[in-house]
Amino acid sequence: MVHDGTPEEVRKDEEGMQIMRILGKNMAYFLKCQEAAKKAGITMPPVEKITFTNFIR
């Protein structure tokens, strides 16, 4: 998510650009690990049901 008006302004945000590069690399790594696990017969853990709570009393 970006908060600037133009692509040029977004590119000037060095920290934001670095975060997006790192996120992309981490996502690619996870997808490769997931594919390797499938080939090795390792399954993903079951997804736990999300419990919503209301803290407003």
PDB file of N, CA and C in Angstrom:
ATOM      1  N   MET A   1       0.843  -1.166   0.000  1.00  0.00           N
ATOM      2  CA  MET A   1       0.000   0.000   0.000  1.00  0.00           C
ATOM      3  C   MET A   1       0.889   1.231   0.000  1.00  0.00           C
ATOM      4  N   VAL A   2       0.574   2.150  -0.841  1.00  0.00           N
ATOM      5  CA  VAL A   2       1.342   3.389  -0.919  1.00  0.00           C
ATOM      6  C   VAL A   2       0.420   4.572  -0.664  1.00  0.00           C
ATOM      7  N   HIS A   3       1.020   5.662  -0.237  1.00  0.00           N
ATOM      8  CA  HIS A   3       0.224   6.834   0.112  1.00  0.00           C
ATOM      9  C   HIS A   3       0.593   8.058  -0.705  1.00  0.00           C
ATOM     10  N   ASP A   4       1.403   7.891  -1.730  1.00  0.00           N
ATOM     11  CA  ASP A   4       1.780   9.029  -2.556  1.00  0.00           C
ATOM     12  C   ASP A   4       0.903   9.097  -3.790  1.00  0.00           C
ATOM     13  N   GLY A   5       0.981  10.223  -4.466  1.00  0.00           N
ATOM     14  CA  GLY A   5       0.082  10.456  -5.588  1.00  0.00           C
ATOM     15  C   GLY A   5       0.561   9.907  -6.914  1.00  0.00           C
ATOM     16  N   THR A   6       1.875   9.847  -7.132  1.00  0.00           N
ATOM     17  CA  THR A   6       2.379   9.419  -8.431  1.00  0.00           C
ATOM     18  C   THR A   6       3.421   8.317  -8.250  1.00  0.00           C
ATOM     19  N   PRO A   7       3.662   7.530  -9.299  1.00  0.00           N
ATOM     20  CA  PRO A   7       4.708   6.499  -9.206  1.00  0.00           C
ATOM     21  C   PRO A   7       6.089   7.078  -8.889  1.00  0.00           C
ATOM     22  N   GLU A   8       6.365   8.280  -9.362  1.00  0.00           N
ATOM     23  CA  GLU A   8       7.668   8.899  -9.089  1.00  0.00           C
ATOM     24  C   GLU A   8       7.834   9.177  -7.594  1.00  0.00           C
ATOM     25  N   GLU A   9       6.766   9.628  -6.958  1.00  0.00           N
ATOM     26  CA  GLU A   9       6.819   9.881  -5.515  1.00  0.00           C
ATOM     27  C   GLU A   9       7.006   8.593  -4.735  1.00  0.00           C
ATOM     28  N   VAL A  10       6.371   7.540  -5.193  1.00  0.00           N
ATOM     29  CA  VAL A  10       6.494   6.241  -4.519  1.00  0.00           C
ATOM     30  C   VAL A  10       7.926   5.742  -4.601  1.00  0.00           C
ATOM     31  N   ARG A  11       8.555   5.894  -5.761  1.00  0.00           N
ATOM     32  CA  ARG A  11       9.935   5.419  -5.940  1.00  0.00           C
ATOM     33  C   ARG A  11      10.924   6.170  -5.058  1.00  0.00           C
ATOM     34  N   LYS A  12      10.589   7.361  -4.611  1.00  0.00           N
ATOM     35  CA  LYS A  12      11.473   8.136  -3.738  1.00  0.00           C
ATOM     36  C   LYS A  12      11.446   7.612  -2.302  1.00  0.00           C
ATOM     37  N   ASP A  13      10.460   6.817  -1.950  1.00  0.00           N
ATOM     38  CA  ASP A  13      10.349   6.246  -0.603  1.00  0.00           C
ATOM     39  C   ASP A  13      11.259   5.026  -0.531  1.00  0.00           C
ATOM     40  N   GLU A  14      12.522   5.262  -0.197  1.00  0.00           N
ATOM     41  CA  GLU A  14      13.512   4.176  -0.212  1.00  0.00           C
ATOM     42  C   GLU A  14      13.174   3.073   0.784  1.00  0.00           C
ATOM     43  N   GLU A  15      12.707   3.444   1.971  1.00  0.00           N
ATOM     44  CA  GLU A  15      12.372   2.428   2.968  1.00  0.00           C
ATOM     45  C   GLU A  15      11.202   1.577   2.500  1.00  0.00           C
ATOM     46  N   GLY A  16      10.173   2.198   1.958  1.00  0.00           N
ATOM     47  CA  GLY A  16       9.025   1.454   1.453  1.00  0.00           C
ATOM     48  C   GLY A  16       9.399   0.524   0.316  1.00  0.00           C
ATOM     49  N   MET A  17      10.259   0.998  -0.584  1.00  0.00           N
ATOM     50  CA  MET A  17      10.702   0.162  -1.700  1.00  0.00           C
ATOM     51  C   MET A  17      11.510  -1.034  -1.186  1.00  0.00           C
ATOM     52  N   GLN A  18      12.363  -0.800  -0.184  1.00  0.00           N
ATOM     53  CA  GLN A  18      13.148  -1.896   0.382  1.00  0.00           C
ATOM     54  C   GLN A  18      12.233  -2.933   1.030  1.00  0.00           C
ATOM     55  N   ILE A  19      11.246  -2.483   1.759  1.00  0.00           N
ATOM     56  CA  ILE A  19      10.308  -3.400   2.413  1.00  0.00           C
ATOM     57  C   ILE A  19       9.600  -4.253   1.372  1.00  0.00           C
ATOM     58  N   MET A  20       9.177  -3.654   0.268  1.00  0.00           N
ATOM     59  CA  MET A  20       8.481  -4.411  -0.779  1.00  0.00           C
ATOM     60  C   MET A  20       9.411  -5.415  -1.457  1.00  0.00           C
ATOM     61  N   ARG A  21      10.693  -5.040  -1.660  1.00  0.00           N
ATOM     62  CA  ARG A  21      11.655  -5.988  -2.241  1.00  0.00           C
ATOM     63  C   ARG A  21      11.849  -7.183  -1.316  1.00  0.00           C
ATOM     64  N   ILE A  22      12.032  -6.918  -0.030  1.00  0.00           N
ATOM     65  CA  ILE A  22      12.236  -7.995   0.940  1.00  0.00           C
ATOM     66  C   ILE A  22      10.992  -8.875   1.021  1.00  0.00           C
ATOM     67  N   LEU A  23       9.816  -8.258   1.031  1.00  0.00           N
ATOM     68  CA  LEU A  23       8.573  -9.023   1.072  1.00  0.00           C
ATOM     69  C   LEU A  23       8.467  -9.940  -0.141  1.00  0.00           C
ATOM     70  N   GLY A  24       8.791  -9.418  -1.320  1.00  0.00           N
ATOM     71  CA  GLY A  24       8.737 -10.233  -2.536  1.00  0.00           C
ATOM     72  C   GLY A  24       9.692 -11.416  -2.477  1.00  0.00           C
ATOM     73  N   LYS A  25      10.911 -11.178  -1.993  1.00  0.00           N
ATOM     74  CA  LYS A  25      11.896 -12.267  -1.873  1.00  0.00           C
ATOM     75  C   LYS A  25      11.427 -13.309  -0.863  1.00  0.00           C
ATOM     76  N   ASN A  26      10.869 -12.851   0.270  1.00  0.00           N
ATOM     77  CA  ASN A  26      10.379 -13.791   1.283  1.00  0.00           C
ATOM     78  C   ASN A  26       9.213 -14.622   0.761  1.00  0.00           C
ATOM     79  N   MET A  27       8.326 -13.985  -0.002  1.00  0.00           N
ATOM     80  CA  MET A  27       7.184 -14.720  -0.555  1.00  0.00           C
ATOM     81  C   MET A  27       7.657 -15.761  -1.570  1.00  0.00           C
ATOM     82  N   ALA A  28       8.622 -15.385  -2.416  1.00  0.00           N
ATOM     83  CA  ALA A  28       9.157 -16.332  -3.392  1.00  0.00           C
ATOM     84  C   ALA A  28       9.820 -17.515  -2.685  1.00  0.00           C
ATOM     85  N   TYR A  29      10.564 -17.251  -1.626  1.00  0.00           N
ATOM     86  CA  TYR A  29      11.218 -18.307  -0.863  1.00  0.00           C
ATOM     87  C   TYR A  29      10.186 -19.253  -0.252  1.00  0.00           C
ATOM     88  N   PHE A  30       9.137 -18.685   0.343  1.00  0.00           N
ATOM     89  CA  PHE A  30       8.100 -19.521   0.944  1.00  0.00           C
ATOM     90  C   PHE A  30       7.431 -20.404  -0.102  1.00  0.00           C
ATOM     91  N   LEU A  31       7.137 -19.843  -1.280  1.00  0.00           N
ATOM     92  CA  LEU A  31       6.484 -20.645  -2.319  1.00  0.00           C
ATOM     93  C   LEU A  31       7.382 -21.783  -2.783  1.00  0.00           C
ATOM     94  N   LYS A  32       8.684 -21.536  -2.868  1.00  0.00           N
ATOM     95  CA  LYS A  32       9.627 -22.599  -3.235  1.00  0.00           C
ATOM     96  C   LYS A  32       9.677 -23.671  -2.148  1.00  0.00           C
ATOM     97  N   CYS A  33       9.682 -23.242  -0.892  1.00  0.00           N
ATOM     98  CA  CYS A  33       9.683 -24.199   0.221  1.00  0.00           C
ATOM     99  C   CYS A  33       8.401 -25.020   0.235  1.00  0.00           C
ATOM    100  N   GLN A  34       7.287 -24.367  -0.031  1.00  0.00           N
ATOM    101  CA  GLN A  34       6.007 -25.056  -0.052  1.00  0.00           C
ATOM    102  C   GLN A  34       5.985 -26.111  -1.161  1.00  0.00           C
ATOM    103  N   GLU A  35       6.497 -25.771  -2.324  1.00  0.00           N
ATOM    104  CA  GLU A  35       6.537 -26.727  -3.442  1.00  0.00           C
ATOM    105  C   GLU A  35       7.459 -27.897  -3.123  1.00  0.00           C
ATOM    106  N   ALA A  36       8.613 -27.619  -2.521  1.00  0.00           N
ATOM    107  CA  ALA A  36       9.545 -28.690  -2.138  1.00  0.00           C
ATOM    108  C   ALA A  36       8.914 -29.607  -1.100  1.00  0.00           C
ATOM    109  N   ALA A  37       8.174 -29.037  -0.172  1.00  0.00           N
ATOM    110  CA  ALA A  37       7.509 -29.837   0.857  1.00  0.00           C
ATOM    111  C   ALA A  37       6.458 -30.750   0.232  1.00  0.00           C
ATOM    112  N   LYS A  38       5.701 -30.231  -0.720  1.00  0.00           N
ATOM    113  CA  LYS A  38       4.697 -31.060  -1.398  1.00  0.00           C
ATOM    114  C   LYS A  38       5.356 -32.227  -2.107  1.00  0.00           C
ATOM    115  N   LYS A  39       6.472 -31.979  -2.781  1.00  0.00           N
ATOM    116  CA  LYS A  39       7.185 -33.039  -3.489  1.00  0.00           C
ATOM    117  C   LYS A  39       7.733 -34.085  -2.520  1.00  0.00           C
ATOM    118  N   ALA A  40       8.079 -33.654  -1.293  1.00  0.00           N
ATOM    119  CA  ALA A  40       8.614 -34.562  -0.288  1.00  0.00           C
ATOM    120  C   ALA A  40       7.518 -35.256   0.516  1.00  0.00           C
ATOM    121  N   GLY A  41       6.264 -34.919   0.227  1.00  0.00           N
ATOM    122  CA  GLY A  41       5.160 -35.561   0.919  1.00  0.00           C
ATOM    123  C   GLY A  41       4.804 -34.926   2.249  1.00  0.00           C
ATOM    124  N   ILE A  42       5.303 -33.739   2.489  1.00  0.00           N
ATOM    125  CA  ILE A  42       5.001 -33.029   3.735  1.00  0.00           C
ATOM    126  C   ILE A  42       3.796 -32.134   3.489  1.00  0.00           C
ATOM    127  N   THR A  43       2.792 -32.258   4.339  1.00  0.00           N
ATOM    128  CA  THR A  43       1.587 -31.455   4.151  1.00  0.00           C
ATOM    129  C   THR A  43       1.612 -30.244   5.073  1.00  0.00           C
ATOM    130  N   MET A  44       0.857 -29.250   4.684  1.00  0.00           N
ATOM    131  CA  MET A  44       0.730 -28.050   5.509  1.00  0.00           C
ATOM    132  C   MET A  44      -0.103 -28.398   6.739  1.00  0.00           C
ATOM    133  N   PRO A  45       0.171 -27.737   7.861  1.00  0.00           N
ATOM    134  CA  PRO A  45      -0.641 -27.997   9.050  1.00  0.00           C
ATOM    135  C   PRO A  45      -2.070 -27.530   8.814  1.00  0.00           C
ATOM    136  N   PRO A  46      -3.035 -28.141   9.514  1.00  0.00           N
ATOM    137  CA  PRO A  46      -4.425 -27.717   9.320  1.00  0.00           C
ATOM    138  C   PRO A  46      -4.631 -26.268   9.767  1.00  0.00           C
ATOM    139  N   VAL A  47      -5.541 -25.615   9.096  1.00  0.00           N
ATOM    140  CA  VAL A  47      -5.852 -24.229   9.429  1.00  0.00           C
ATOM    141  C   VAL A  47      -6.773 -24.210  10.635  1.00  0.00           C
ATOM    142  N   GLU A  48      -6.384 -23.454  11.630  1.00  0.00           N
ATOM    143  CA  GLU A  48      -7.188 -23.354  12.845  1.00  0.00           C
ATOM    144  C   GLU A  48      -8.335 -22.381  12.616  1.00  0.00           C
ATOM    145  N   LYS A  49      -9.499 -22.738  13.121  1.00  0.00           N
ATOM    146  CA  LYS A  49     -10.657 -21.870  12.996  1.00  0.00           C
ATOM    147  C   LYS A  49     -10.406 -20.588  13.770  1.00  0.00           C
ATOM    148  N   ILE A  50     -10.704 -19.458  13.152  1.00  0.00           N
ATOM    149  CA  ILE A  50     -10.499 -18.168  13.791  1.00  0.00           C
ATOM    150  C   ILE A  50     -11.657 -17.882  14.730  1.00  0.00           C
ATOM    151  N   THR A  51     -11.311 -17.510  15.947  1.00  0.00           N
ATOM    152  CA  THR A  51     -12.315 -17.159  16.943  1.00  0.00           C
ATOM    153  C   THR A  51     -12.330 -15.651  17.099  1.00  0.00           C
ATOM    154  N   PHE A  52     -13.475 -15.066  16.872  1.00  0.00           N
ATOM    155  CA  PHE A  52     -13.624 -13.626  17.028  1.00  0.00           C
ATOM    156  C   PHE A  52     -14.165 -13.337  18.418  1.00  0.00           C
ATOM    157  N   THR A  53     -13.579 -12.368  19.059  1.00  0.00           N
ATOM    158  CA  THR A  53     -14.055 -11.967  20.380  1.00  0.00           C
ATOM    159  C   THR A  53     -14.421 -10.491  20.350  1.00  0.00           C
ATOM    160  N   ASN A  54     -15.286 -10.108  21.241  1.00  0.00           N
ATOM    161  CA  ASN A  54     -15.694  -8.723  21.340  1.00  0.00           C
ATOM    162  C   ASN A  54     -15.266  -8.209  22.703  1.00  0.00           C
ATOM    163  N   PHE A  55     -14.279  -7.323  22.705  1.00  0.00           N
ATOM    164  CA  PHE A  55     -13.775  -6.813  23.959  1.00  0.00           C
ATOM    165  C   PHE A  55     -14.531  -5.582  24.428  1.00  0.00           C
ATOM    166  N   ILE A  56     -15.454  -5.092  23.631  1.00  0.00           N
ATOM    167  CA  ILE A  56     -16.246  -3.929  24.028  1.00  0.00           C
ATOM    168  C   ILE A  56     -17.375  -4.409  24.911  1.00  0.00           C
ATOM    169  N   ARG A  57     -17.472  -3.868  26.093  1.00  0.00           N
ATOM    170  CA  ARG A  57     -18.507  -4.306  27.025  1.00  0.00           C
ATOM    171  C   ARG A  57     -19.462  -3.181  27.307  1.00  0.00           C
TER     172      ARG A  57
END
